[in-house]
Amino acid sequence: MNDRLRDALALKYKGEIAAAEVNIRVYLQHPVGIGEHADIVGAIDEQIEIAANAQEKLDYIKSLSYT
């Protein structure tokens, strides 16, 4: 895989992880302010799934070695 493509994908996945982590912090620290999410546990679980999926992809592309 081209290094630039791998770097671009890594940045994409790292961004998805960072966004999910921020969302989780907001849900945990200010659950009252998230009016449209009556199911806080479900909303947090959704963000964990997003982060875990992105981390899995990040780990996978890091394991690729094309020379």
N, C-alpha and C. Protein backbone atom coordinates (compact mmCIF):
# COMPACT_ATOMS: atom_id res chain seq x y z
N MET A 1 0.86 -1.17 0.00
CA MET A 1 0.00 0.00 0.00
C MET A 1 0.91 1.23 0.00
N ASN A 2 0.57 2.15 -0.81
CA ASN A 2 1.30 3.41 -0.90
C ASN A 2 1.33 4.09 0.47
N ASP A 3 2.51 4.59 0.86
CA ASP A 3 2.65 5.22 2.18
C ASP A 3 1.69 6.39 2.37
N ARG A 4 1.47 7.17 1.34
CA ARG A 4 0.56 8.33 1.46
C ARG A 4 -0.87 7.87 1.67
N LEU A 5 -1.27 6.81 1.00
CA LEU A 5 -2.62 6.27 1.19
C LEU A 5 -2.78 5.71 2.60
N ARG A 6 -1.76 4.98 3.04
CA ARG A 6 -1.82 4.43 4.40
C ARG A 6 -1.89 5.55 5.43
N ASP A 7 -1.08 6.60 5.25
CA ASP A 7 -1.11 7.73 6.18
C ASP A 7 -2.47 8.42 6.18
N ALA A 8 -3.05 8.59 5.01
CA ALA A 8 -4.37 9.24 4.91
C ALA A 8 -5.43 8.40 5.62
N LEU A 9 -5.39 7.10 5.42
CA LEU A 9 -6.36 6.23 6.10
C LEU A 9 -6.14 6.25 7.61
N ALA A 10 -4.88 6.24 8.03
CA ALA A 10 -4.58 6.28 9.46
C ALA A 10 -5.14 7.55 10.09
N LEU A 11 -4.94 8.67 9.42
CA LEU A 11 -5.48 9.93 9.93
C LEU A 11 -7.01 9.91 9.99
N LYS A 12 -7.63 9.34 8.99
CA LYS A 12 -9.10 9.22 8.97
C LYS A 12 -9.58 8.41 10.18
N TYR A 13 -8.95 7.25 10.41
CA TYR A 13 -9.37 6.39 11.52
C TYR A 13 -9.06 7.04 12.87
N LYS A 14 -7.91 7.70 12.99
CA LYS A 14 -7.58 8.39 14.23
C LYS A 14 -8.58 9.51 14.51
N GLY A 15 -9.04 10.19 13.46
CA GLY A 15 -10.05 11.23 13.62
C GLY A 15 -11.38 10.66 14.09
N GLU A 16 -11.76 9.52 13.53
CA GLU A 16 -13.01 8.88 13.95
C GLU A 16 -12.93 8.46 15.42
N ILE A 17 -11.78 7.94 15.83
CA ILE A 17 -11.59 7.54 17.23
C ILE A 17 -11.66 8.77 18.14
N ALA A 18 -10.97 9.84 17.76
CA ALA A 18 -10.97 11.06 18.58
C ALA A 18 -12.38 11.64 18.71
N ALA A 19 -13.13 11.67 17.62
CA ALA A 19 -14.49 12.20 17.66
C ALA A 19 -15.39 11.35 18.57
N ALA A 20 -15.25 10.04 18.47
CA ALA A 20 -16.06 9.16 19.31
C ALA A 20 -15.70 9.35 20.79
N GLU A 21 -14.41 9.49 21.08
CA GLU A 21 -13.99 9.68 22.47
C GLU A 21 -14.52 10.99 23.04
N VAL A 22 -14.53 12.03 22.25
CA VAL A 22 -15.07 13.32 22.71
C VAL A 22 -16.58 13.19 22.96
N ASN A 23 -17.27 12.53 22.06
CA ASN A 23 -18.71 12.32 22.24
C ASN A 23 -18.99 11.56 23.53
N ILE A 24 -18.20 10.52 23.79
CA ILE A 24 -18.38 9.74 25.02
C ILE A 24 -18.16 10.62 26.24
N ARG A 25 -17.12 11.44 26.22
CA ARG A 25 -16.87 12.34 27.36
C ARG A 25 -18.04 13.29 27.59
N VAL A 26 -18.58 13.83 26.51
CA VAL A 26 -19.73 14.74 26.64
C VAL A 26 -20.91 14.00 27.23
N TYR A 27 -21.19 12.80 26.74
CA TYR A 27 -22.31 12.02 27.28
C TYR A 27 -22.12 11.74 28.77
N LEU A 28 -20.88 11.45 29.18
CA LEU A 28 -20.63 11.12 30.58
C LEU A 28 -20.63 12.35 31.49
N GLN A 29 -20.11 13.46 31.00
CA GLN A 29 -19.97 14.64 31.83
C GLN A 29 -21.21 15.54 31.82
N HIS A 30 -21.97 15.52 30.73
CA HIS A 30 -23.13 16.40 30.59
C HIS A 30 -24.32 15.67 29.99
N PRO A 31 -24.77 14.58 30.60
CA PRO A 31 -25.86 13.80 30.01
C PRO A 31 -27.17 14.57 29.91
N VAL A 32 -27.40 15.54 30.77
CA VAL A 32 -28.63 16.31 30.74
C VAL A 32 -28.67 17.20 29.50
N GLY A 33 -27.53 17.66 29.06
CA GLY A 33 -27.46 18.55 27.91
C GLY A 33 -27.65 17.86 26.57
N ILE A 34 -27.78 16.56 26.58
CA ILE A 34 -27.94 15.81 25.33
C ILE A 34 -29.40 15.37 25.26
N GLY A 35 -30.27 16.31 25.01
CA GLY A 35 -31.70 16.07 25.05
C GLY A 35 -32.22 15.07 24.03
N GLU A 36 -31.62 15.03 22.86
CA GLU A 36 -32.14 14.14 21.82
C GLU A 36 -31.74 12.68 22.04
N HIS A 37 -30.91 12.42 23.05
CA HIS A 37 -30.48 11.05 23.35
C HIS A 37 -31.07 10.60 24.68
N ALA A 38 -32.26 10.07 24.64
CA ALA A 38 -32.90 9.58 25.86
C ALA A 38 -32.17 8.34 26.37
N ASP A 39 -31.57 7.58 25.48
CA ASP A 39 -30.85 6.35 25.83
C ASP A 39 -29.36 6.65 25.82
N ILE A 40 -28.85 7.16 26.94
CA ILE A 40 -27.44 7.54 27.04
C ILE A 40 -26.55 6.31 26.89
N VAL A 41 -26.94 5.20 27.50
CA VAL A 41 -26.14 3.97 27.39
C VAL A 41 -26.04 3.54 25.93
N GLY A 42 -27.15 3.59 25.23
CA GLY A 42 -27.15 3.23 23.81
C GLY A 42 -26.30 4.18 22.98
N ALA A 43 -26.36 5.47 23.31
CA ALA A 43 -25.56 6.47 22.58
C ALA A 43 -24.07 6.25 22.82
N ILE A 44 -23.70 5.94 24.06
CA ILE A 44 -22.30 5.67 24.37
C ILE A 44 -21.85 4.39 23.68
N ASP A 45 -22.69 3.38 23.71
CA ASP A 45 -22.36 2.11 23.05
C ASP A 45 -22.13 2.32 21.56
N GLU A 46 -22.93 3.16 20.95
CA GLU A 46 -22.77 3.47 19.53
C GLU A 46 -21.41 4.12 19.25
N GLN A 47 -21.00 5.02 20.13
CA GLN A 47 -19.71 5.68 19.96
C GLN A 47 -18.55 4.71 20.20
N ILE A 48 -18.71 3.80 21.15
CA ILE A 48 -17.69 2.78 21.38
C ILE A 48 -17.55 1.89 20.16
N GLU A 49 -18.66 1.55 19.55
CA GLU A 49 -18.62 0.74 18.33
C GLU A 49 -17.89 1.46 17.20
N ILE A 50 -18.14 2.74 17.06
CA ILE A 50 -17.46 3.55 16.03
C ILE A 50 -15.96 3.55 16.29
N ALA A 51 -15.56 3.81 17.55
CA ALA A 51 -14.14 3.86 17.89
C ALA A 51 -13.47 2.50 17.73
N ALA A 52 -14.14 1.45 18.17
CA ALA A 52 -13.56 0.10 18.06
C ALA A 52 -13.39 -0.31 16.60
N ASN A 53 -14.36 0.02 15.79
CA ASN A 53 -14.28 -0.30 14.36
C ASN A 53 -13.12 0.45 13.71
N ALA A 54 -12.99 1.72 14.03
CA ALA A 54 -11.89 2.51 13.47
C ALA A 54 -10.54 2.00 13.97
N GLN A 55 -10.47 1.61 15.25
CA GLN A 55 -9.22 1.08 15.81
C GLN A 55 -8.84 -0.23 15.13
N GLU A 56 -9.82 -1.06 14.86
CA GLU A 56 -9.57 -2.33 14.17
C GLU A 56 -9.00 -2.07 12.77
N LYS A 57 -9.58 -1.11 12.07
CA LYS A 57 -9.08 -0.76 10.74
C LYS A 57 -7.67 -0.19 10.82
N LEU A 58 -7.43 0.66 11.81
CA LEU A 58 -6.11 1.26 11.99
C LEU A 58 -5.07 0.17 12.27
N ASP A 59 -5.40 -0.75 13.15
CA ASP A 59 -4.50 -1.86 13.45
C ASP A 59 -4.22 -2.69 12.20
N TYR A 60 -5.24 -2.91 11.41
CA TYR A 60 -5.09 -3.70 10.20
C TYR A 60 -4.14 -3.05 9.21
N ILE A 61 -4.34 -1.76 8.93
CA ILE A 61 -3.47 -1.13 7.94
C ILE A 61 -2.03 -1.02 8.46
N LYS A 62 -1.87 -0.92 9.77
CA LYS A 62 -0.52 -0.90 10.34
C LYS A 62 0.17 -2.25 10.17
N SER A 63 -0.61 -3.32 10.11
CA SER A 63 -0.04 -4.66 9.98
C SER A 63 0.36 -4.99 8.54
N LEU A 64 -0.14 -4.22 7.59
CA LEU A 64 0.19 -4.47 6.19
C LEU A 64 1.63 -4.07 5.90
N SER A 65 2.33 -4.90 5.19
CA SER A 65 3.70 -4.54 4.81
C SER A 65 3.89 -4.86 3.35
N TYR A 66 3.72 -3.84 2.54
CA TYR A 66 3.94 -3.97 1.11
C TYR A 66 5.26 -3.29 0.77
N THR A 67 6.18 -4.03 0.26
CA THR A 67 7.47 -3.45 -0.12
C THR A 67 7.76 -3.70 -1.57
